[in-house]
Amino acid sequence: MHPEIHWNTGNAGRTSLAAGATLHLIEPLGFSLDEREVKRAGLDYWEHVDVRVWPSWDAFERELPALGEPFFFSTKSSRLLWDAPLGA
């Protein structure tokens, strides 16, 4: 939600790509996702990331029930991504 640093978002994008998950970003973004800026940031894999950008948390939350089981990243989590029951 409101990512400010493209490198951090790139890390989340790589993890999503590896897990076969969709990365949902909620605006405002602190950086541009246009092709030139993404390449400049070194995110050469970005074209393979399944990313959806939402205009607000409310717009994302309204669609959440139709999107499937959500998993959120947090530095305060007690469970690792790889321990989550993905695809179960």
PDB file of N, CA and C in Angstrom:
ATOM      1  N   MET A   1       0.854  -1.174   0.000  1.00  0.00           N
ATOM      2  CA  MET A   1       0.000   0.000   0.000  1.00  0.00           C
ATOM      3  C   MET A   1       0.893   1.228   0.000  1.00  0.00           C
ATOM      4  N   HIS A   2       0.717   2.072  -0.994  1.00  0.00           N
ATOM      5  CA  HIS A   2       1.471   3.305  -1.148  1.00  0.00           C
ATOM      6  C   HIS A   2       2.979   3.071  -1.142  1.00  0.00           C
ATOM      7  N   PRO A   3       3.480   2.151  -1.972  1.00  0.00           N
ATOM      8  CA  PRO A   3       4.927   1.904  -1.970  1.00  0.00           C
ATOM      9  C   PRO A   3       5.686   3.145  -2.421  1.00  0.00           C
ATOM     10  N   GLU A   4       6.799   3.403  -1.759  1.00  0.00           N
ATOM     11  CA  GLU A   4       7.570   4.599  -2.064  1.00  0.00           C
ATOM     12  C   GLU A   4       8.877   4.292  -2.777  1.00  0.00           C
ATOM     13  N   ILE A   5       9.415   3.107  -2.594  1.00  0.00           N
ATOM     14  CA  ILE A   5      10.740   2.788  -3.119  1.00  0.00           C
ATOM     15  C   ILE A   5      10.630   1.654  -4.124  1.00  0.00           C
ATOM     16  N   HIS A   6      11.058   1.893  -5.355  1.00  0.00           N
ATOM     17  CA  HIS A   6      10.912   0.880  -6.401  1.00  0.00           C
ATOM     18  C   HIS A   6      11.718  -0.373  -6.096  1.00  0.00           C
ATOM     19  N   TRP A   7      12.841  -0.264  -5.392  1.00  0.00           N
ATOM     20  CA  TRP A   7      13.618  -1.469  -5.079  1.00  0.00           C
ATOM     21  C   TRP A   7      12.846  -2.387  -4.142  1.00  0.00           C
ATOM     22  N   ASN A   8      12.168  -1.827  -3.146  1.00  0.00           N
ATOM     23  CA  ASN A   8      11.361  -2.652  -2.247  1.00  0.00           C
ATOM     24  C   ASN A   8      10.209  -3.313  -2.998  1.00  0.00           C
ATOM     25  N   THR A   9       9.591  -2.557  -3.878  1.00  0.00           N
ATOM     26  CA  THR A   9       8.509  -3.106  -4.691  1.00  0.00           C
ATOM     27  C   THR A   9       9.061  -4.172  -5.628  1.00  0.00           C
ATOM     28  N   GLY A  10      10.260  -3.965  -6.134  1.00  0.00           N
ATOM     29  CA  GLY A  10      10.913  -4.973  -6.970  1.00  0.00           C
ATOM     30  C   GLY A  10      11.135  -6.270  -6.220  1.00  0.00           C
ATOM     31  N   ASN A  11      11.526  -6.178  -4.950  1.00  0.00           N
ATOM     32  CA  ASN A  11      11.699  -7.387  -4.133  1.00  0.00           C
ATOM     33  C   ASN A  11      10.370  -8.127  -3.975  1.00  0.00           C
ATOM     34  N   ALA A  12       9.306  -7.381  -3.708  1.00  0.00           N
ATOM     35  CA  ALA A  12       7.984  -7.999  -3.589  1.00  0.00           C
ATOM     36  C   ALA A  12       7.549  -8.583  -4.930  1.00  0.00           C
ATOM     37  N   GLY A  13       7.890  -7.907  -6.019  1.00  0.00           N
ATOM     38  CA  GLY A  13       7.563  -8.411  -7.360  1.00  0.00           C
ATOM     39  C   GLY A  13       8.279  -9.711  -7.668  1.00  0.00           C
ATOM     40  N   ARG A  14       9.572  -9.799  -7.332  1.00  0.00           N
ATOM     41  CA  ARG A  14      10.328 -11.047  -7.546  1.00  0.00           C
ATOM     42  C   ARG A  14       9.735 -12.189  -6.737  1.00  0.00           C
ATOM     43  N   THR A  15       9.370 -11.907  -5.499  1.00  0.00           N
ATOM     44  CA  THR A  15       8.772 -12.940  -4.646  1.00  0.00           C
ATOM     45  C   THR A  15       7.434 -13.387  -5.220  1.00  0.00           C
ATOM     46  N   SER A  16       6.627 -12.436  -5.675  1.00  0.00           N
ATOM     47  CA  SER A  16       5.338 -12.778  -6.285  1.00  0.00           C
ATOM     48  C   SER A  16       5.538 -13.620  -7.536  1.00  0.00           C
ATOM     49  N   LEU A  17       6.515 -13.244  -8.342  1.00  0.00           N
ATOM     50  CA  LEU A  17       6.816 -13.996  -9.562  1.00  0.00           C
ATOM     51  C   LEU A  17       7.228 -15.421  -9.216  1.00  0.00           C
ATOM     52  N   ALA A  18       8.098 -15.574  -8.234  1.00  0.00           N
ATOM     53  CA  ALA A  18       8.568 -16.901  -7.827  1.00  0.00           C
ATOM     54  C   ALA A  18       7.436 -17.759  -7.259  1.00  0.00           C
ATOM     55  N   ALA A  19       6.498 -17.110  -6.578  1.00  0.00           N
ATOM     56  CA  ALA A  19       5.387 -17.831  -5.960  1.00  0.00           C
ATOM     57  C   ALA A  19       4.215 -18.036  -6.907  1.00  0.00           C
ATOM     58  N   GLY A  20       4.275 -17.423  -8.094  1.00  0.00           N
ATOM     59  CA  GLY A  20       3.153 -17.522  -9.024  1.00  0.00           C
ATOM     60  C   GLY A  20       1.958 -16.722  -8.556  1.00  0.00           C
ATOM     61  N   ALA A  21       2.215 -15.638  -7.840  1.00  0.00           N
ATOM     62  CA  ALA A  21       1.144 -14.825  -7.258  1.00  0.00           C
ATOM     63  C   ALA A  21       1.030 -13.490  -7.996  1.00  0.00           C
ATOM     64  N   THR A  22      -0.096 -12.843  -7.823  1.00  0.00           N
ATOM     65  CA  THR A  22      -0.309 -11.504  -8.355  1.00  0.00           C
ATOM     66  C   THR A  22       0.153 -10.496  -7.311  1.00  0.00           C
ATOM     67  N   LEU A  23       0.871  -9.484  -7.762  1.00  0.00           N
ATOM     68  CA  LEU A  23       1.293  -8.398  -6.882  1.00  0.00           C
ATOM     69  C   LEU A  23       0.293  -7.261  -7.049  1.00  0.00           C
ATOM     70  N   HIS A  24      -0.351  -6.884  -5.963  1.00  0.00           N
ATOM     71  CA  HIS A  24      -1.327  -5.795  -5.974  1.00  0.00           C
ATOM     72  C   HIS A  24      -0.677  -4.570  -5.345  1.00  0.00           C
ATOM     73  N   LEU A  25      -0.612  -3.478  -6.093  1.00  0.00           N
ATOM     74  CA  LEU A  25      -0.055  -2.221  -5.606  1.00  0.00           C
ATOM     75  C   LEU A  25      -1.182  -1.207  -5.487  1.00  0.00           C
ATOM     76  N   ILE A  26      -1.171  -0.459  -4.403  1.00  0.00           N
ATOM     77  CA  ILE A  26      -2.229   0.517  -4.154  1.00  0.00           C
ATOM     78  C   ILE A  26      -1.638   1.920  -4.221  1.00  0.00           C
ATOM     79  N   GLU A  27      -2.208   2.727  -5.089  1.00  0.00           N
ATOM     80  CA  GLU A  27      -1.736   4.101  -5.290  1.00  0.00           C
ATOM     81  C   GLU A  27      -2.028   4.962  -4.079  1.00  0.00           C
ATOM     82  N   PRO A  28      -1.246   6.016  -3.895  1.00  0.00           N
ATOM     83  CA  PRO A  28      -0.243   6.529  -4.816  1.00  0.00           C
ATOM     84  C   PRO A  28       1.072   5.763  -4.703  1.00  0.00           C
ATOM     85  N   LEU A  29       1.742   5.631  -5.838  1.00  0.00           N
ATOM     86  CA  LEU A  29       3.057   5.019  -5.883  1.00  0.00           C
ATOM     87  C   LEU A  29       4.100   6.130  -5.807  1.00  0.00           C
ATOM     88  N   GLY A  30       5.207   5.850  -5.162  1.00  0.00           N
ATOM     89  CA  GLY A  30       6.267   6.844  -5.041  1.00  0.00           C
ATOM     90  C   GLY A  30       7.244   6.802  -6.205  1.00  0.00           C
ATOM     91  N   PHE A  31       6.861   6.143  -7.284  1.00  0.00           N
ATOM     92  CA  PHE A  31       7.726   5.972  -8.448  1.00  0.00           C
ATOM     93  C   PHE A  31       6.850   5.653  -9.637  1.00  0.00           C
ATOM     94  N   SER A  32       7.428   5.702 -10.810  1.00  0.00           N
ATOM     95  CA  SER A  32       6.696   5.430 -12.048  1.00  0.00           C
ATOM     96  C   SER A  32       6.876   3.977 -12.458  1.00  0.00           C
ATOM     97  N   LEU A  33       5.838   3.388 -13.021  1.00  0.00           N
ATOM     98  CA  LEU A  33       5.920   2.021 -13.552  1.00  0.00           C
ATOM     99  C   LEU A  33       6.055   2.018 -15.067  1.00  0.00           C
ATOM    100  N   ASP A  34       6.335   3.181 -15.659  1.00  0.00           N
ATOM    101  CA  ASP A  34       6.498   3.156 -17.109  1.00  0.00           C
ATOM    102  C   ASP A  34       7.770   2.387 -17.462  1.00  0.00           C
ATOM    103  N   GLU A  35       7.802   1.842 -18.661  1.00  0.00           N
ATOM    104  CA  GLU A  35       8.862   0.910 -19.066  1.00  0.00           C
ATOM    105  C   GLU A  35      10.261   1.482 -18.870  1.00  0.00           C
ATOM    106  N   ARG A  36      10.447   2.720 -19.220  1.00  0.00           N
ATOM    107  CA  ARG A  36      11.771   3.338 -19.106  1.00  0.00           C
ATOM    108  C   ARG A  36      12.236   3.388 -17.651  1.00  0.00           C
ATOM    109  N   GLU A  37      11.357   3.801 -16.761  1.00  0.00           N
ATOM    110  CA  GLU A  37      11.713   3.910 -15.345  1.00  0.00           C
ATOM    111  C   GLU A  37      11.958   2.543 -14.714  1.00  0.00           C
ATOM    112  N   VAL A  38      11.164   1.562 -15.085  1.00  0.00           N
ATOM    113  CA  VAL A  38      11.331   0.212 -14.548  1.00  0.00           C
ATOM    114  C   VAL A  38      12.684  -0.356 -14.974  1.00  0.00           C
ATOM    115  N   LYS A  39      13.036  -0.184 -16.233  1.00  0.00           N
ATOM    116  CA  LYS A  39      14.339  -0.670 -16.713  1.00  0.00           C
ATOM    117  C   LYS A  39      15.475   0.075 -16.034  1.00  0.00           C
ATOM    118  N   ARG A  40      15.307   1.355 -15.860  1.00  0.00           N
ATOM    119  CA  ARG A  40      16.334   2.171 -15.205  1.00  0.00           C
ATOM    120  C   ARG A  40      16.566   1.712 -13.773  1.00  0.00           C
ATOM    121  N   ALA A  41      15.524   1.232 -13.113  1.00  0.00           N
ATOM    122  CA  ALA A  41      15.637   0.744 -11.738  1.00  0.00           C
ATOM    123  C   ALA A  41      16.213  -0.671 -11.685  1.00  0.00           C
ATOM    124  N   GLY A  42      16.477  -1.269 -12.836  1.00  0.00           N
ATOM    125  CA  GLY A  42      17.069  -2.605 -12.859  1.00  0.00           C
ATOM    126  C   GLY A  42      16.066  -3.726 -12.703  1.00  0.00           C
ATOM    127  N   LEU A  43      14.806  -3.434 -12.912  1.00  0.00           N
ATOM    128  CA  LEU A  43      13.754  -4.444 -12.753  1.00  0.00           C
ATOM    129  C   LEU A  43      13.496  -5.123 -14.090  1.00  0.00           C
ATOM    130  N   ASP A  44      14.518  -5.775 -14.637  1.00  0.00           N
ATOM    131  CA  ASP A  44      14.431  -6.348 -15.975  1.00  0.00           C
ATOM    132  C   ASP A  44      13.465  -7.526 -16.078  1.00  0.00           C
ATOM    133  N   TYR A  45      13.022  -8.053 -14.978  1.00  0.00           N
ATOM    134  CA  TYR A  45      12.068  -9.166 -14.941  1.00  0.00           C
ATOM    135  C   TYR A  45      10.632  -8.660 -14.824  1.00  0.00           C
ATOM    136  N   TRP A  46      10.447  -7.345 -14.665  1.00  0.00           N
ATOM    137  CA  TRP A  46       9.144  -6.765 -14.322  1.00  0.00           C
ATOM    138  C   TRP A  46       8.051  -7.150 -15.304  1.00  0.00           C
ATOM    139  N   GLU A  47       8.392  -7.310 -16.585  1.00  0.00           N
ATOM    140  CA  GLU A  47       7.376  -7.648 -17.588  1.00  0.00           C
ATOM    141  C   GLU A  47       6.750  -9.006 -17.321  1.00  0.00           C
ATOM    142  N   HIS A  48       7.395  -9.834 -16.516  1.00  0.00           N
ATOM    143  CA  HIS A  48       6.879 -11.164 -16.200  1.00  0.00           C
ATOM    144  C   HIS A  48       6.048 -11.194 -14.917  1.00  0.00           C
ATOM    145  N   VAL A  49       6.079 -10.102 -14.163  1.00  0.00           N
ATOM    146  CA  VAL A  49       5.330 -10.022 -12.903  1.00  0.00           C
ATOM    147  C   VAL A  49       3.865  -9.740 -13.212  1.00  0.00           C
ATOM    148  N   ASP A  50       2.983 -10.503 -12.587  1.00  0.00           N
ATOM    149  CA  ASP A  50       1.545 -10.265 -12.702  1.00  0.00           C
ATOM    150  C   ASP A  50       1.199  -9.183 -11.687  1.00  0.00           C
ATOM    151  N   VAL A  51       1.132  -7.946 -12.144  1.00  0.00           N
ATOM    152  CA  VAL A  51       0.915  -6.816 -11.237  1.00  0.00           C
ATOM    153  C   VAL A  51      -0.387  -6.106 -11.573  1.00  0.00           C
ATOM    154  N   ARG A  52      -1.114  -5.751 -10.529  1.00  0.00           N
ATOM    155  CA  ARG A  52      -2.336  -4.942 -10.672  1.00  0.00           C
ATOM    156  C   ARG A  52      -2.186  -3.722  -9.791  1.00  0.00           C
ATOM    157  N   VAL A  53      -2.505  -2.583 -10.355  1.00  0.00           N
ATOM    158  CA  VAL A  53      -2.412  -1.326  -9.623  1.00  0.00           C
ATOM    159  C   VAL A  53      -3.825  -0.830  -9.344  1.00  0.00           C
ATOM    160  N   TRP A  54      -4.074  -0.525  -8.094  1.00  0.00           N
ATOM    161  CA  TRP A  54      -5.391  -0.071  -7.649  1.00  0.00           C
ATOM    162  C   TRP A  54      -5.343   1.403  -7.293  1.00  0.00           C
ATOM    163  N   PRO A  55      -6.398   2.165  -7.590  1.00  0.00           N
ATOM    164  CA  PRO A  55      -6.392   3.604  -7.311  1.00  0.00           C
ATOM    165  C   PRO A  55      -6.502   3.936  -5.817  1.00  0.00           C
ATOM    166  N   SER A  56      -7.015   2.992  -5.014  1.00  0.00           N
ATOM    167  CA  SER A  56      -7.184   3.258  -3.583  1.00  0.00           C
ATOM    168  C   SER A  56      -7.378   1.935  -2.845  1.00  0.00           C
ATOM    169  N   TRP A  57      -7.220   1.979  -1.529  1.00  0.00           N
ATOM    170  CA  TRP A  57      -7.469   0.793  -0.708  1.00  0.00           C
ATOM    171  C   TRP A  57      -8.937   0.388  -0.826  1.00  0.00           C
ATOM    172  N   ASP A  58      -9.841   1.367  -0.847  1.00  0.00           N
ATOM    173  CA  ASP A  58     -11.273   1.064  -0.950  1.00  0.00           C
ATOM    174  C   ASP A  58     -11.590   0.289  -2.228  1.00  0.00           C
ATOM    175  N   ALA A  59     -11.006   0.691  -3.344  1.00  0.00           N
ATOM    176  CA  ALA A  59     -11.246  -0.013  -4.615  1.00  0.00           C
ATOM    177  C   ALA A  59     -10.717  -1.441  -4.531  1.00  0.00           C
ATOM    178  N   PHE A  60      -9.546  -1.613  -3.955  1.00  0.00           N
ATOM    179  CA  PHE A  60      -8.968  -2.947  -3.779  1.00  0.00           C
ATOM    180  C   PHE A  60      -9.841  -3.795  -2.855  1.00  0.00           C
ATOM    181  N   GLU A  61     -10.240  -3.220  -1.735  1.00  0.00           N
ATOM    182  CA  GLU A  61     -11.030  -3.946  -0.740  1.00  0.00           C
ATOM    183  C   GLU A  61     -12.385  -4.397  -1.292  1.00  0.00           C
ATOM    184  N   ARG A  62     -12.999  -3.575  -2.139  1.00  0.00           N
ATOM    185  CA  ARG A  62     -14.284  -3.954  -2.744  1.00  0.00           C
ATOM    186  C   ARG A  62     -14.142  -5.208  -3.609  1.00  0.00           C
ATOM    187  N   GLU A  63     -13.016  -5.357  -4.288  1.00  0.00           N
ATOM    188  CA  GLU A  63     -12.789  -6.495  -5.181  1.00  0.00           C
ATOM    189  C   GLU A  63     -12.159  -7.697  -4.488  1.00  0.00           C
ATOM    190  N   LEU A  64     -11.689  -7.510  -3.287  1.00  0.00           N
ATOM    191  CA  LEU A  64     -10.956  -8.561  -2.582  1.00  0.00           C
ATOM    192  C   LEU A  64     -11.685  -9.899  -2.510  1.00  0.00           C
ATOM    193  N   PRO A  65     -12.971  -9.950  -2.222  1.00  0.00           N
ATOM    194  CA  PRO A  65     -13.639 -11.258  -2.168  1.00  0.00           C
ATOM    195  C   PRO A  65     -13.567 -12.042  -3.479  1.00  0.00           C
ATOM    196  N   ALA A  66     -13.523 -11.357  -4.600  1.00  0.00           N
ATOM    197  CA  ALA A  66     -13.470 -12.034  -5.899  1.00  0.00           C
ATOM    198  C   ALA A  66     -12.046 -12.406  -6.317  1.00  0.00           C
ATOM    199  N   LEU A  67     -11.062 -11.931  -5.581  1.00  0.00           N
ATOM    200  CA  LEU A  67      -9.670 -12.150  -5.958  1.00  0.00           C
ATOM    201  C   LEU A  67      -9.068 -13.422  -5.379  1.00  0.00           C
ATOM    202  N   GLY A  68      -9.753 -14.047  -4.450  1.00  0.00           N
ATOM    203  CA  GLY A  68      -9.214 -15.251  -3.827  1.00  0.00           C
ATOM    204  C   GLY A  68      -8.618 -14.942  -2.464  1.00  0.00           C
ATOM    205  N   GLU A  69      -7.968 -15.923  -1.895  1.00  0.00           N
ATOM    206  CA  GLU A  69      -7.384 -15.798  -0.554  1.00  0.00           C
ATOM    207  C   GLU A  69      -6.227 -14.798  -0.570  1.00  0.00           C
ATOM    208  N   PRO A  70      -6.326 -13.728   0.230  1.00  0.00           N
ATOM    209  CA  PRO A  70      -5.236 -12.751   0.229  1.00  0.00           C
ATOM    210  C   PRO A  70      -4.104 -13.145   1.188  1.00  0.00           C
ATOM    211  N   PHE A  71      -2.901 -12.764   0.828  1.00  0.00           N
ATOM    212  CA  PHE A  71      -1.732 -12.896   1.694  1.00  0.00           C
ATOM    213  C   PHE A  71      -1.019 -11.565   1.651  1.00  0.00           C
ATOM    214  N   PHE A  72      -0.734 -11.011   2.817  1.00  0.00           N
ATOM    215  CA  PHE A  72      -0.115  -9.695   2.908  1.00  0.00           C
ATOM    216  C   PHE A  72       1.303  -9.823   3.436  1.00  0.00           C
ATOM    217  N   PHE A  73       2.219  -9.007   2.892  1.00  0.00           N
ATOM    218  CA  PHE A  73       3.598  -8.948   3.362  1.00  0.00           C
ATOM    219  C   PHE A  73       3.677  -7.988   4.539  1.00  0.00           C
ATOM    220  N   SER A  74       4.467  -8.352   5.535  1.00  0.00           N
ATOM    221  CA  SER A  74       4.692  -7.459   6.667  1.00  0.00           C
ATOM    222  C   SER A  74       6.012  -7.815   7.334  1.00  0.00           C
ATOM    223  N   THR A  75       6.714  -6.808   7.810  1.00  0.00           N
ATOM    224  CA  THR A  75       7.938  -7.063   8.575  1.00  0.00           C
ATOM    225  C   THR A  75       7.613  -7.565   9.976  1.00  0.00           C
ATOM    226  N   LYS A  76       6.347  -7.507  10.359  1.00  0.00           N
ATOM    227  CA  LYS A  76       5.942  -7.925  11.692  1.00  0.00           C
ATOM    228  C   LYS A  76       5.268  -9.297  11.701  1.00  0.00           C
ATOM    229  N   SER A  77       5.287  -9.979  10.588  1.00  0.00           N
ATOM    230  CA  SER A  77       4.633 -11.275  10.475  1.00  0.00           C
ATOM    231  C   SER A  77       5.342 -12.337  11.317  1.00  0.00           C
ATOM    232  N   SER A  78       4.582 -13.261  11.824  1.00  0.00           N
ATOM    233  CA  SER A  78       5.170 -14.385  12.566  1.00  0.00           C
ATOM    234  C   SER A  78       5.281 -15.619  11.669  1.00  0.00           C
ATOM    235  N   ARG A  79       4.817 -15.519  10.421  1.00  0.00           N
ATOM    236  CA  ARG A  79       4.854 -16.646   9.491  1.00  0.00           C
ATOM    237  C   ARG A  79       5.551 -16.235   8.205  1.00  0.00           C
ATOM    238  N   LEU A  80       6.368 -17.120   7.678  1.00  0.00           N
ATOM    239  CA  LEU A  80       7.043 -16.869   6.417  1.00  0.00           C
ATOM    240  C   LEU A  80       6.089 -17.119   5.244  1.00  0.00           C
ATOM    241  N   LEU A  81       6.338 -16.438   4.130  1.00  0.00           N
ATOM    242  CA  LEU A  81       5.530 -16.636   2.930  1.00  0.00           C
ATOM    243  C   LEU A  81       5.482 -18.110   2.570  1.00  0.00           C
ATOM    244  N   TRP A  82       6.610 -18.778   2.658  1.00  0.00           N
ATOM    245  CA  TRP A  82       6.697 -20.172   2.217  1.00  0.00           C
ATOM    246  C   TRP A  82       5.962 -21.128   3.148  1.00  0.00           C
ATOM    247  N   ASP A  83       5.561 -20.653   4.336  1.00  0.00           N
ATOM    248  CA  ASP A  83       4.781 -21.471   5.261  1.00  0.00           C
ATOM    249  C   ASP A  83       3.275 -21.304   5.067  1.00  0.00           C
ATOM    250  N   ALA A  84       2.890 -20.340   4.245  1.00  0.00           N
ATOM    251  CA  ALA A  84       1.469 -20.090   3.999  1.00  0.00           C
ATOM    252  C   ALA A  84       0.915 -21.209   3.112  1.00  0.00           C
ATOM    253  N   PRO A  85      -0.348 -21.563   3.303  1.00  0.00           N
ATOM    254  CA  PRO A  85      -0.951 -22.666   2.520  1.00  0.00           C
ATOM    255  C   PRO A  85      -1.335 -22.222   1.108  1.00  0.00           C
ATOM    256  N   LEU A  86      -0.346 -21.829   0.323  1.00  0.00           N
ATOM    257  CA  LEU A  86      -0.621 -21.378  -1.047  1.00  0.00           C
ATOM    258  C   LEU A  86      -1.072 -22.542  -1.900  1.00  0.00           C
ATOM    259  N   GLY A  87      -2.164 -22.356  -2.596  1.00  0.00           N
ATOM    260  CA  GLY A  87      -2.661 -23.384  -3.489  1.00  0.00           C
ATOM    261  C   GLY A  87      -3.274 -24.591  -2.799  1.00  0.00           C
ATOM    262  N   ALA A  88      -3.465 -24.485  -1.511  1.00  0.00           N
ATOM    263  CA  ALA A  88      -4.032 -25.624  -0.770  1.00  0.00           C
ATOM    264  C   ALA A  88      -5.533 -25.639  -0.846  1.00  0.00           C
TER     265      ALA A  88
END
